[in-house]
Amino acid sequence: MQLRKVTAASAAVLALSLAATACGGDKKDDNGSSGGKKIAIGIKFDQPGLGQKTPQGYAGFDVDVATYVAKKLGYGPDQIEWKESKSADRETMLQRGDVQFIAATYSITPEREQKVDFAGPYLLAHQDVLLRADETAIKAPKDLNGKKLCSVSGSTSAQNLKAKLNLKTDLVTYPTYSACLSGLQSGAIDALTTDDSILAGYAAQAQFKGKFKLGSFKMTNENYGIGVKKGSDLKAKINTALESMVSDGSWAAAVKKNFGPADYKNEPAPKIGDVKS
């Protein structure tokens, strides 16, 4: 009888031990060490060439950068949990700890640096406009005055139109760039404005071949950084990973792979901490 009691108690202890192990196996680590854990990374799901969810998985330059960084932090591709990070949600996602870092065409700005920290920059883009291929009236930024433009809620592009560019446009904001693109294609809006890298990704899609064109205005500098929670020690680790990506040729390969089909004239890889105003 005593033997049965001991055996039952041992079994209970073993069960509790196994349950604790199972619960801890997928724990996310804010400090970037894996040990069999998962890492949650924020990306865009609807930006061809940068961050896009496809039937085959996730693809784009930001995805390649994030995957490289995660590897340097000790995480394999199967340990990455991709999460959609819409422009208006990024700071909140980092502050809540929903993700460990975000690589989602995330421009470094003084306003955002008050809320989160940034590693990088890892790409220098420029604000531009996407136009219908048959558009002839818009040849320079000043021609955008009085036109109906679309951008995404929470993006710097929408803010720049008035704050930096002093343009008087009829601005429409949608939750995603894909929604803006539909409006441009239908004629509901005159131009889609955001970073040239994003616009190039859309223009390069097979279904849009010959339908759109870039204005090539280079209206602002957009320094893409990797966002982390304020005070996180991941910032230094990610910066080291980004430097390695440039030095070993992986950065250039990712640029060619994702932007080459659009003939995108990218800037050279920026130096860590060199944020162009």
C-alpha atoms as a PDB file:
ATOM      1  CA  MET A   1       0.000   0.000   0.000  1.00  0.00           C
ATOM      2  CA  GLN A   2       2.859   2.368   0.933  1.00  0.00           C
ATOM      3  CA  LEU A   3       4.598   1.536  -2.390  1.00  0.00           C
ATOM      4  CA  ARG A   4       1.506   2.554  -4.322  1.00  0.00           C
ATOM      5  CA  LYS A   5       1.372   5.929  -2.569  1.00  0.00           C
ATOM      6  CA  VAL A   6       5.020   6.639  -3.336  1.00  0.00           C
ATOM      7  CA  THR A   7       4.583   5.627  -6.990  1.00  0.00           C
ATOM      8  CA  ALA A   8       1.522   7.842  -7.397  1.00  0.00           C
ATOM      9  CA  ALA A   9       3.325  10.804  -5.845  1.00  0.00           C
ATOM     10  CA  SER A  10       6.320  10.290  -8.132  1.00  0.00           C
ATOM     11  CA  ALA A  11       4.080  10.163 -11.176  1.00  0.00           C
ATOM     12  CA  ALA A  12       2.414  13.421 -10.154  1.00  0.00           C
ATOM     13  CA  VAL A  13       5.777  15.147  -9.744  1.00  0.00           C
ATOM     14  CA  LEU A  14       6.915  13.861 -13.137  1.00  0.00           C
ATOM     15  CA  ALA A  15       3.710  15.097 -14.791  1.00  0.00           C
ATOM     16  CA  LEU A  16       4.105  18.552 -13.270  1.00  0.00           C
ATOM     17  CA  SER A  17       7.732  18.650 -14.417  1.00  0.00           C
ATOM     18  CA  LEU A  18       6.818  17.750 -17.988  1.00  0.00           C
ATOM     19  CA  ALA A  19       4.028  20.324 -18.050  1.00  0.00           C
ATOM     20  CA  ALA A  20       6.366  23.050 -16.840  1.00  0.00           C
ATOM     21  CA  THR A  21       8.897  22.111 -19.507  1.00  0.00           C
ATOM     22  CA  ALA A  22       6.251  22.178 -22.227  1.00  0.00           C
ATOM     23  CA  CYS A  23       4.981  25.586 -21.130  1.00  0.00           C
ATOM     24  CA  GLY A  24       8.469  27.049 -21.125  1.00  0.00           C
ATOM     25  CA  GLY A  25       9.569  25.557 -24.447  1.00  0.00           C
ATOM     26  CA  ASP A  26       8.081  28.289 -26.623  1.00  0.00           C
ATOM     27  CA  LYS A  27       8.805  31.225 -24.333  1.00  0.00           C
ATOM     28  CA  LYS A  28       9.949  34.372 -26.144  1.00  0.00           C
ATOM     29  CA  ASP A  29      13.203  35.917 -24.938  1.00  0.00           C
ATOM     30  CA  ASP A  30      13.586  39.713 -24.955  1.00  0.00           C
ATOM     31  CA  ASN A  31      17.357  39.387 -24.705  1.00  0.00           C
ATOM     32  CA  GLY A  32      17.811  37.573 -27.999  1.00  0.00           C
ATOM     33  CA  SER A  33      19.074  34.180 -26.787  1.00  0.00           C
ATOM     34  CA  SER A  34      17.227  31.220 -28.215  1.00  0.00           C
ATOM     35  CA  GLY A  35      17.723  27.876 -26.468  1.00  0.00           C
ATOM     36  CA  GLY A  36      14.758  26.393 -28.332  1.00  0.00           C
ATOM     37  CA  LYS A  37      12.508  29.394 -27.788  1.00  0.00           C
ATOM     38  CA  LYS A  38      10.576  31.482 -30.277  1.00  0.00           C
ATOM     39  CA  ILE A  39      11.083  35.090 -31.332  1.00  0.00           C
ATOM     40  CA  ALA A  40       8.203  37.306 -32.472  1.00  0.00           C
ATOM     41  CA  ILE A  41       9.087  39.743 -35.257  1.00  0.00           C
ATOM     42  CA  GLY A  42       6.859  42.433 -36.726  1.00  0.00           C
ATOM     43  CA  ILE A  43       6.744  42.958 -40.505  1.00  0.00           C
ATOM     44  CA  LYS A  44       4.297  44.264 -43.067  1.00  0.00           C
ATOM     45  CA  PHE A  45       2.119  41.626 -44.699  1.00  0.00           C
ATOM     46  CA  ASP A  46       1.024  43.627 -47.756  1.00  0.00           C
ATOM     47  CA  GLN A  47       4.144  45.269 -49.206  1.00  0.00           C
ATOM     48  CA  PRO A  48       5.605  43.440 -52.213  1.00  0.00           C
ATOM     49  CA  GLY A  49       9.400  43.537 -52.277  1.00  0.00           C
ATOM     50  CA  LEU A  50       9.603  44.434 -48.574  1.00  0.00           C
ATOM     51  CA  GLY A  51       7.209  42.465 -46.415  1.00  0.00           C
ATOM     52  CA  GLN A  52       4.494  40.293 -47.901  1.00  0.00           C
ATOM     53  CA  LYS A  53       2.546  37.250 -46.774  1.00  0.00           C
ATOM     54  CA  THR A  54       2.228  34.837 -49.677  1.00  0.00           C
ATOM     55  CA  PRO A  55       0.886  31.289 -50.075  1.00  0.00           C
ATOM     56  CA  GLN A  56       4.523  30.149 -50.007  1.00  0.00           C
ATOM     57  CA  GLY A  57       5.399  32.042 -46.830  1.00  0.00           C
ATOM     58  CA  TYR A  58       6.828  35.493 -46.112  1.00  0.00           C
ATOM     59  CA  ALA A  59       8.975  37.395 -48.598  1.00  0.00           C
ATOM     60  CA  GLY A  60      10.694  40.745 -49.111  1.00  0.00           C
ATOM     61  CA  PHE A  61      13.742  42.778 -48.174  1.00  0.00           C
ATOM     62  CA  ASP A  62      12.562  43.448 -44.613  1.00  0.00           C
ATOM     63  CA  VAL A  63      11.860  39.738 -44.185  1.00  0.00           C
ATOM     64  CA  ASP A  64      15.366  38.862 -45.378  1.00  0.00           C
ATOM     65  CA  VAL A  65      16.924  41.451 -43.049  1.00  0.00           C
ATOM     66  CA  ALA A  66      14.858  40.242 -40.094  1.00  0.00           C
ATOM     67  CA  THR A  67      15.658  36.590 -40.815  1.00  0.00           C
ATOM     68  CA  TYR A  68      19.388  37.388 -40.983  1.00  0.00           C
ATOM     69  CA  VAL A  69      19.241  39.333 -37.711  1.00  0.00           C
ATOM     70  CA  ALA A  70      17.284  36.560 -36.008  1.00  0.00           C
ATOM     71  CA  LYS A  71      19.915  34.027 -37.091  1.00  0.00           C
ATOM     72  CA  LYS A  72      22.651  36.174 -35.554  1.00  0.00           C
ATOM     73  CA  LEU A  73      20.589  36.277 -32.345  1.00  0.00           C
ATOM     74  CA  GLY A  74      20.445  32.483 -32.321  1.00  0.00           C
ATOM     75  CA  TYR A  75      17.072  31.785 -33.946  1.00  0.00           C
ATOM     76  CA  GLY A  76      16.473  29.651 -37.015  1.00  0.00           C
ATOM     77  CA  PRO A  77      13.705  30.374 -39.541  1.00  0.00           C
ATOM     78  CA  ASP A  78      11.420  27.826 -37.860  1.00  0.00           C
ATOM     79  CA  GLN A  79      11.727  29.687 -34.553  1.00  0.00           C
ATOM     80  CA  ILE A  80      10.397  32.970 -35.962  1.00  0.00           C
ATOM     81  CA  GLU A  81       6.803  33.965 -35.307  1.00  0.00           C
ATOM     82  CA  TRP A  82       5.898  36.618 -37.893  1.00  0.00           C
ATOM     83  CA  LYS A  83       3.346  39.214 -36.806  1.00  0.00           C
ATOM     84  CA  GLU A  84       1.673  41.852 -38.946  1.00  0.00           C
ATOM     85  CA  SER A  85       2.756  45.345 -37.918  1.00  0.00           C
ATOM     86  CA  LYS A  86       0.583  48.023 -39.482  1.00  0.00           C
ATOM     87  CA  SER A  87       2.011  51.538 -39.495  1.00  0.00           C
ATOM     88  CA  ALA A  88      -0.298  52.873 -36.777  1.00  0.00           C
ATOM     89  CA  ASP A  89       0.294  49.881 -34.473  1.00  0.00           C
ATOM     90  CA  ARG A  90       4.089  49.587 -34.374  1.00  0.00           C
ATOM     91  CA  GLU A  91       4.919  51.606 -31.244  1.00  0.00           C
ATOM     92  CA  THR A  92       2.113  49.955 -29.284  1.00  0.00           C
ATOM     93  CA  MET A  93       3.225  46.455 -30.317  1.00  0.00           C
ATOM     94  CA  LEU A  94       6.756  47.126 -29.058  1.00  0.00           C
ATOM     95  CA  GLN A  95       5.624  48.771 -25.851  1.00  0.00           C
ATOM     96  CA  ARG A  96       3.272  45.866 -25.037  1.00  0.00           C
ATOM     97  CA  GLY A  97       5.930  43.279 -25.836  1.00  0.00           C
ATOM     98  CA  ASP A  98       3.894  41.690 -28.633  1.00  0.00           C
ATOM     99  CA  VAL A  99       7.115  41.452 -30.680  1.00  0.00           C
ATOM    100  CA  GLN A 100      10.826  41.562 -29.875  1.00  0.00           C
ATOM    101  CA  PHE A 101      11.626  43.775 -32.840  1.00  0.00           C
ATOM    102  CA  ILE A 102       9.987  45.286 -35.907  1.00  0.00           C
ATOM    103  CA  ALA A 103      11.420  45.515 -39.440  1.00  0.00           C
ATOM    104  CA  ALA A 104       8.547  47.044 -41.376  1.00  0.00           C
ATOM    105  CA  THR A 105       9.616  50.054 -43.468  1.00  0.00           C
ATOM    106  CA  TYR A 106       9.923  51.766 -40.081  1.00  0.00           C
ATOM    107  CA  SER A 107      11.373  55.254 -40.620  1.00  0.00           C
ATOM    108  CA  ILE A 108      13.458  56.637 -37.760  1.00  0.00           C
ATOM    109  CA  THR A 109      12.004  59.952 -36.534  1.00  0.00           C
ATOM    110  CA  PRO A 110      12.559  62.040 -33.373  1.00  0.00           C
ATOM    111  CA  GLU A 111       8.900  61.591 -32.439  1.00  0.00           C
ATOM    112  CA  ARG A 112       9.115  57.817 -32.618  1.00  0.00           C
ATOM    113  CA  GLU A 113      12.430  57.751 -30.757  1.00  0.00           C
ATOM    114  CA  GLN A 114      10.622  59.154 -27.748  1.00  0.00           C
ATOM    115  CA  LYS A 115       8.581  55.959 -27.582  1.00  0.00           C
ATOM    116  CA  VAL A 116      10.872  53.213 -28.933  1.00  0.00           C
ATOM    117  CA  ASP A 117      14.547  52.619 -29.756  1.00  0.00           C
ATOM    118  CA  PHE A 118      15.928  51.964 -33.226  1.00  0.00           C
ATOM    119  CA  ALA A 119      18.801  49.858 -34.504  1.00  0.00           C
ATOM    120  CA  GLY A 120      20.222  50.839 -37.886  1.00  0.00           C
ATOM    121  CA  PRO A 121      19.389  52.416 -40.228  1.00  0.00           C
ATOM    122  CA  TYR A 122      19.616  49.558 -42.731  1.00  0.00           C
ATOM    123  CA  LEU A 123      18.118  51.270 -45.809  1.00  0.00           C
ATOM    124  CA  LEU A 124      17.803  54.865 -47.006  1.00  0.00           C
ATOM    125  CA  ALA A 125      14.630  55.417 -49.034  1.00  0.00           C
ATOM    126  CA  HIS A 126      12.926  58.590 -50.262  1.00  0.00           C
ATOM    127  CA  GLN A 127       9.318  59.698 -50.308  1.00  0.00           C
ATOM    128  CA  ASP A 128       7.890  59.611 -53.811  1.00  0.00           C
ATOM    129  CA  VAL A 129       4.577  59.168 -55.610  1.00  0.00           C
ATOM    130  CA  LEU A 130       3.148  56.369 -57.710  1.00  0.00           C
ATOM    131  CA  LEU A 131       1.099  57.528 -60.683  1.00  0.00           C
ATOM    132  CA  ARG A 132      -0.963  55.888 -63.353  1.00  0.00           C
ATOM    133  CA  ALA A 133       1.166  55.242 -66.415  1.00  0.00           C
ATOM    134  CA  ASP A 134      -0.909  57.617 -68.548  1.00  0.00           C
ATOM    135  CA  GLU A 135      -0.655  60.510 -66.044  1.00  0.00           C
ATOM    136  CA  THR A 136       0.795  63.626 -67.745  1.00  0.00           C
ATOM    137  CA  ALA A 137      -0.248  66.514 -65.483  1.00  0.00           C
ATOM    138  CA  ILE A 138       1.957  65.580 -62.498  1.00  0.00           C
ATOM    139  CA  LYS A 139       5.608  66.177 -63.396  1.00  0.00           C
ATOM    140  CA  ALA A 140       6.963  67.734 -60.172  1.00  0.00           C
ATOM    141  CA  PRO A 141       5.974  67.902 -56.470  1.00  0.00           C
ATOM    142  CA  LYS A 142       4.253  71.276 -56.969  1.00  0.00           C
ATOM    143  CA  ASP A 143       1.849  69.621 -59.409  1.00  0.00           C
ATOM    144  CA  LEU A 144       0.419  67.629 -56.495  1.00  0.00           C
ATOM    145  CA  ASN A 145      -1.305  70.721 -55.105  1.00  0.00           C
ATOM    146  CA  GLY A 146      -5.048  70.293 -55.357  1.00  0.00           C
ATOM    147  CA  LYS A 147      -4.717  66.602 -56.238  1.00  0.00           C
ATOM    148  CA  LYS A 148      -6.235  63.731 -54.291  1.00  0.00           C
ATOM    149  CA  LEU A 149      -3.421  61.732 -52.691  1.00  0.00           C
ATOM    150  CA  CYS A 150      -3.559  58.532 -50.673  1.00  0.00           C
ATOM    151  CA  SER A 151      -1.280  57.399 -47.884  1.00  0.00           C
ATOM    152  CA  VAL A 152      -1.500  55.108 -44.863  1.00  0.00           C
ATOM    153  CA  SER A 153      -2.691  56.098 -41.400  1.00  0.00           C
ATOM    154  CA  GLY A 154       0.257  56.561 -39.025  1.00  0.00           C
ATOM    155  CA  SER A 155       2.894  56.780 -41.757  1.00  0.00           C
ATOM    156  CA  THR A 156       5.439  59.587 -42.015  1.00  0.00           C
ATOM    157  CA  SER A 157       4.428  60.108 -45.650  1.00  0.00           C
ATOM    158  CA  ALA A 158       1.039  61.473 -44.657  1.00  0.00           C
ATOM    159  CA  GLN A 159       2.623  63.823 -42.123  1.00  0.00           C
ATOM    160  CA  ASN A 160       5.334  65.016 -44.514  1.00  0.00           C
ATOM    161  CA  LEU A 161       2.899  66.357 -47.095  1.00  0.00           C
ATOM    162  CA  LYS A 162       2.085  69.333 -44.890  1.00  0.00           C
ATOM    163  CA  ALA A 163       4.868  69.499 -42.318  1.00  0.00           C
ATOM    164  CA  LYS A 164       7.872  69.223 -44.651  1.00  0.00           C
ATOM    165  CA  LEU A 165       6.629  69.622 -48.211  1.00  0.00           C
ATOM    166  CA  ASN A 166       4.049  72.374 -47.645  1.00  0.00           C
ATOM    167  CA  LEU A 167       1.733  70.815 -50.186  1.00  0.00           C
ATOM    168  CA  LYS A 168      -1.976  71.551 -50.190  1.00  0.00           C
ATOM    169  CA  THR A 169      -3.454  68.261 -51.267  1.00  0.00           C
ATOM    170  CA  ASP A 170      -6.690  66.439 -50.653  1.00  0.00           C
ATOM    171  CA  LEU A 171      -5.228  63.683 -48.494  1.00  0.00           C
ATOM    172  CA  VAL A 172      -7.023  60.372 -48.029  1.00  0.00           C
ATOM    173  CA  THR A 173      -5.640  57.849 -45.542  1.00  0.00           C
ATOM    174  CA  TYR A 174      -6.345  54.117 -45.679  1.00  0.00           C
ATOM    175  CA  PRO A 175      -5.231  51.317 -43.332  1.00  0.00           C
ATOM    176  CA  THR A 176      -2.950  49.703 -45.952  1.00  0.00           C
ATOM    177  CA  TYR A 177      -1.055  50.630 -49.124  1.00  0.00           C
ATOM    178  CA  SER A 178      -2.923  47.910 -50.991  1.00  0.00           C
ATOM    179  CA  ALA A 179      -6.162  49.820 -50.389  1.00  0.00           C
ATOM    180  CA  CYS A 180      -4.514  52.989 -51.721  1.00  0.00           C
ATOM    181  CA  LEU A 181      -3.347  51.113 -54.805  1.00  0.00           C
ATOM    182  CA  SER A 182      -6.884  49.988 -55.573  1.00  0.00           C
ATOM    183  CA  GLY A 183      -8.034  53.617 -55.394  1.00  0.00           C
ATOM    184  CA  LEU A 184      -5.249  54.703 -57.742  1.00  0.00           C
ATOM    185  CA  GLN A 185      -6.051  51.983 -60.217  1.00  0.00           C
ATOM    186  CA  SER A 186      -9.765  52.874 -60.258  1.00  0.00           C
ATOM    187  CA  GLY A 187      -9.112  56.607 -60.588  1.00  0.00           C
ATOM    188  CA  ALA A 188     -10.587  57.459 -57.176  1.00  0.00           C
ATOM    189  CA  ILE A 189      -7.250  59.072 -56.254  1.00  0.00           C
ATOM    190  CA  ASP A 190      -4.584  60.799 -58.334  1.00  0.00           C
ATOM    191  CA  ALA A 191      -1.440  59.500 -56.661  1.00  0.00           C
ATOM    192  CA  LEU A 192      -0.206  57.166 -53.955  1.00  0.00           C
ATOM    193  CA  THR A 193       2.552  58.629 -51.820  1.00  0.00           C
ATOM    194  CA  THR A 194       4.998  56.751 -49.662  1.00  0.00           C
ATOM    195  CA  ASP A 195       8.615  55.585 -49.855  1.00  0.00           C
ATOM    196  CA  ASP A 196      10.097  54.851 -53.279  1.00  0.00           C
ATOM    197  CA  SER A 197      11.153  51.387 -52.126  1.00  0.00           C
ATOM    198  CA  ILE A 198       7.542  50.482 -51.312  1.00  0.00           C
ATOM    199  CA  LEU A 199       6.224  51.968 -54.543  1.00  0.00           C
ATOM    200  CA  ALA A 200       8.839  50.119 -56.584  1.00  0.00           C
ATOM    201  CA  GLY A 201       7.712  46.848 -55.036  1.00  0.00           C
ATOM    202  CA  TYR A 202       4.141  47.426 -56.148  1.00  0.00           C
ATOM    203  CA  ALA A 203       5.034  48.670 -59.618  1.00  0.00           C
ATOM    204  CA  ALA A 204       7.172  45.561 -60.198  1.00  0.00           C
ATOM    205  CA  GLN A 205       4.309  43.100 -59.704  1.00  0.00           C
ATOM    206  CA  ALA A 206       3.434  41.174 -62.835  1.00  0.00           C
ATOM    207  CA  GLN A 207      -0.267  42.104 -62.700  1.00  0.00           C
ATOM    208  CA  PHE A 208       0.586  45.818 -62.655  1.00  0.00           C
ATOM    209  CA  LYS A 209       3.184  45.798 -65.401  1.00  0.00           C
ATOM    210  CA  GLY A 210       2.856  48.936 -67.511  1.00  0.00           C
ATOM    211  CA  LYS A 211      -0.003  50.356 -65.392  1.00  0.00           C
ATOM    212  CA  PHE A 212       1.942  52.578 -62.978  1.00  0.00           C
ATOM    213  CA  LYS A 213       5.086  54.696 -62.875  1.00  0.00           C
ATOM    214  CA  LEU A 214       7.232  56.347 -60.206  1.00  0.00           C
ATOM    215  CA  GLY A 215       7.402  60.133 -60.066  1.00  0.00           C
ATOM    216  CA  SER A 216      11.095  59.912 -59.005  1.00  0.00           C
ATOM    217  CA  PHE A 217      10.729  63.109 -56.945  1.00  0.00           C
ATOM    218  CA  LYS A 218      12.873  62.073 -53.901  1.00  0.00           C
ATOM    219  CA  MET A 219      10.956  64.462 -51.664  1.00  0.00           C
ATOM    220  CA  THR A 220      12.363  63.321 -48.290  1.00  0.00           C
ATOM    221  CA  ASN A 221      14.879  60.957 -46.728  1.00  0.00           C
ATOM    222  CA  GLU A 222      13.403  57.905 -45.012  1.00  0.00           C
ATOM    223  CA  ASN A 223      15.880  56.046 -42.788  1.00  0.00           C
ATOM    224  CA  TYR A 224      14.586  52.516 -42.175  1.00  0.00           C
ATOM    225  CA  GLY A 225      15.439  51.256 -38.718  1.00  0.00           C
ATOM    226  CA  ILE A 226      14.619  48.154 -36.700  1.00  0.00           C
ATOM    227  CA  GLY A 227      12.379  49.117 -33.810  1.00  0.00           C
ATOM    228  CA  VAL A 228      12.846  47.623 -30.337  1.00  0.00           C
ATOM    229  CA  LYS A 229      11.309  48.333 -26.952  1.00  0.00           C
ATOM    230  CA  LYS A 230      12.718  51.408 -25.218  1.00  0.00           C
ATOM    231  CA  GLY A 231      15.860  50.461 -23.279  1.00  0.00           C
ATOM    232  CA  SER A 232      16.156  46.962 -24.806  1.00  0.00           C
ATOM    233  CA  ASP A 233      19.683  45.575 -25.092  1.00  0.00           C
ATOM    234  CA  LEU A 234      18.628  44.057 -28.416  1.00  0.00           C
ATOM    235  CA  LYS A 235      19.501  47.357 -30.095  1.00  0.00           C
ATOM    236  CA  ALA A 236      23.267  46.806 -29.810  1.00  0.00           C
ATOM    237  CA  LYS A 237      22.987  43.148 -30.848  1.00  0.00           C
ATOM    238  CA  ILE A 238      20.900  44.010 -33.909  1.00  0.00           C
ATOM    239  CA  ASN A 239      23.348  46.752 -34.926  1.00  0.00           C
ATOM    240  CA  THR A 240      26.170  44.204 -34.851  1.00  0.00           C
ATOM    241  CA  ALA A 241      24.086  41.825 -36.985  1.00  0.00           C
ATOM    242  CA  LEU A 242      23.324  44.562 -39.526  1.00  0.00           C
ATOM    243  CA  GLU A 243      27.018  45.401 -39.855  1.00  0.00           C
ATOM    244  CA  SER A 244      27.739  41.731 -40.537  1.00  0.00           C
ATOM    245  CA  MET A 245      24.989  41.578 -43.146  1.00  0.00           C
ATOM    246  CA  VAL A 246      26.606  44.409 -45.080  1.00  0.00           C
ATOM    247  CA  SER A 247      30.184  43.164 -44.727  1.00  0.00           C
ATOM    248  CA  ASP A 248      29.501  39.575 -45.827  1.00  0.00           C
ATOM    249  CA  GLY A 249      27.528  40.622 -48.922  1.00  0.00           C
ATOM    250  CA  SER A 250      24.124  39.425 -47.720  1.00  0.00           C
ATOM    251  CA  TRP A 251      22.679  42.954 -47.710  1.00  0.00           C
ATOM    252  CA  ALA A 252      23.577  43.582 -51.362  1.00  0.00           C
ATOM    253  CA  ALA A 253      22.225  40.168 -52.334  1.00  0.00           C
ATOM    254  CA  ALA A 254      18.905  40.896 -50.609  1.00  0.00           C
ATOM    255  CA  VAL A 255      18.609  44.260 -52.380  1.00  0.00           C
ATOM    256  CA  LYS A 256      19.192  42.659 -55.782  1.00  0.00           C
ATOM    257  CA  LYS A 257      16.809  39.805 -55.064  1.00  0.00           C
ATOM    258  CA  ASN A 258      13.900  41.982 -53.927  1.00  0.00           C
ATOM    259  CA  PHE A 259      14.296  45.262 -55.837  1.00  0.00           C
ATOM    260  CA  GLY A 260      16.175  44.203 -58.960  1.00  0.00           C
ATOM    261  CA  PRO A 261      13.066  43.392 -61.031  1.00  0.00           C
ATOM    262  CA  ALA A 262      11.775  46.975 -60.500  1.00  0.00           C
ATOM    263  CA  ASP A 263      15.088  48.546 -61.530  1.00  0.00           C
ATOM    264  CA  TYR A 264      15.080  50.363 -58.199  1.00  0.00           C
ATOM    265  CA  LYS A 265      18.041  52.730 -57.806  1.00  0.00           C
ATOM    266  CA  ASN A 266      18.812  52.119 -54.160  1.00  0.00           C
ATOM    267  CA  GLU A 267      21.204  54.131 -52.025  1.00  0.00           C
ATOM    268  CA  PRO A 268      24.336  52.413 -50.657  1.00  0.00           C
ATOM    269  CA  ALA A 269      24.012  50.621 -47.337  1.00  0.00           C
ATOM    270  CA  PRO A 270      23.914  53.318 -44.612  1.00  0.00           C
ATOM    271  CA  LYS A 271      26.318  53.363 -41.688  1.00  0.00           C
ATOM    272  CA  ILE A 272      24.868  52.410 -38.335  1.00  0.00           C
ATOM    273  CA  GLY A 273      23.658  55.559 -36.582  1.00  0.00           C
ATOM    274  CA  ASP A 274      23.896  57.740 -39.710  1.00  0.00           C
ATOM    275  CA  VAL A 275      20.356  59.085 -39.955  1.00  0.00           C
ATOM    276  CA  LYS A 276      19.962  61.472 -42.905  1.00  0.00           C
ATOM    277  CA  SER A 277      17.699  64.437 -42.230  1.00  0.00           C
END
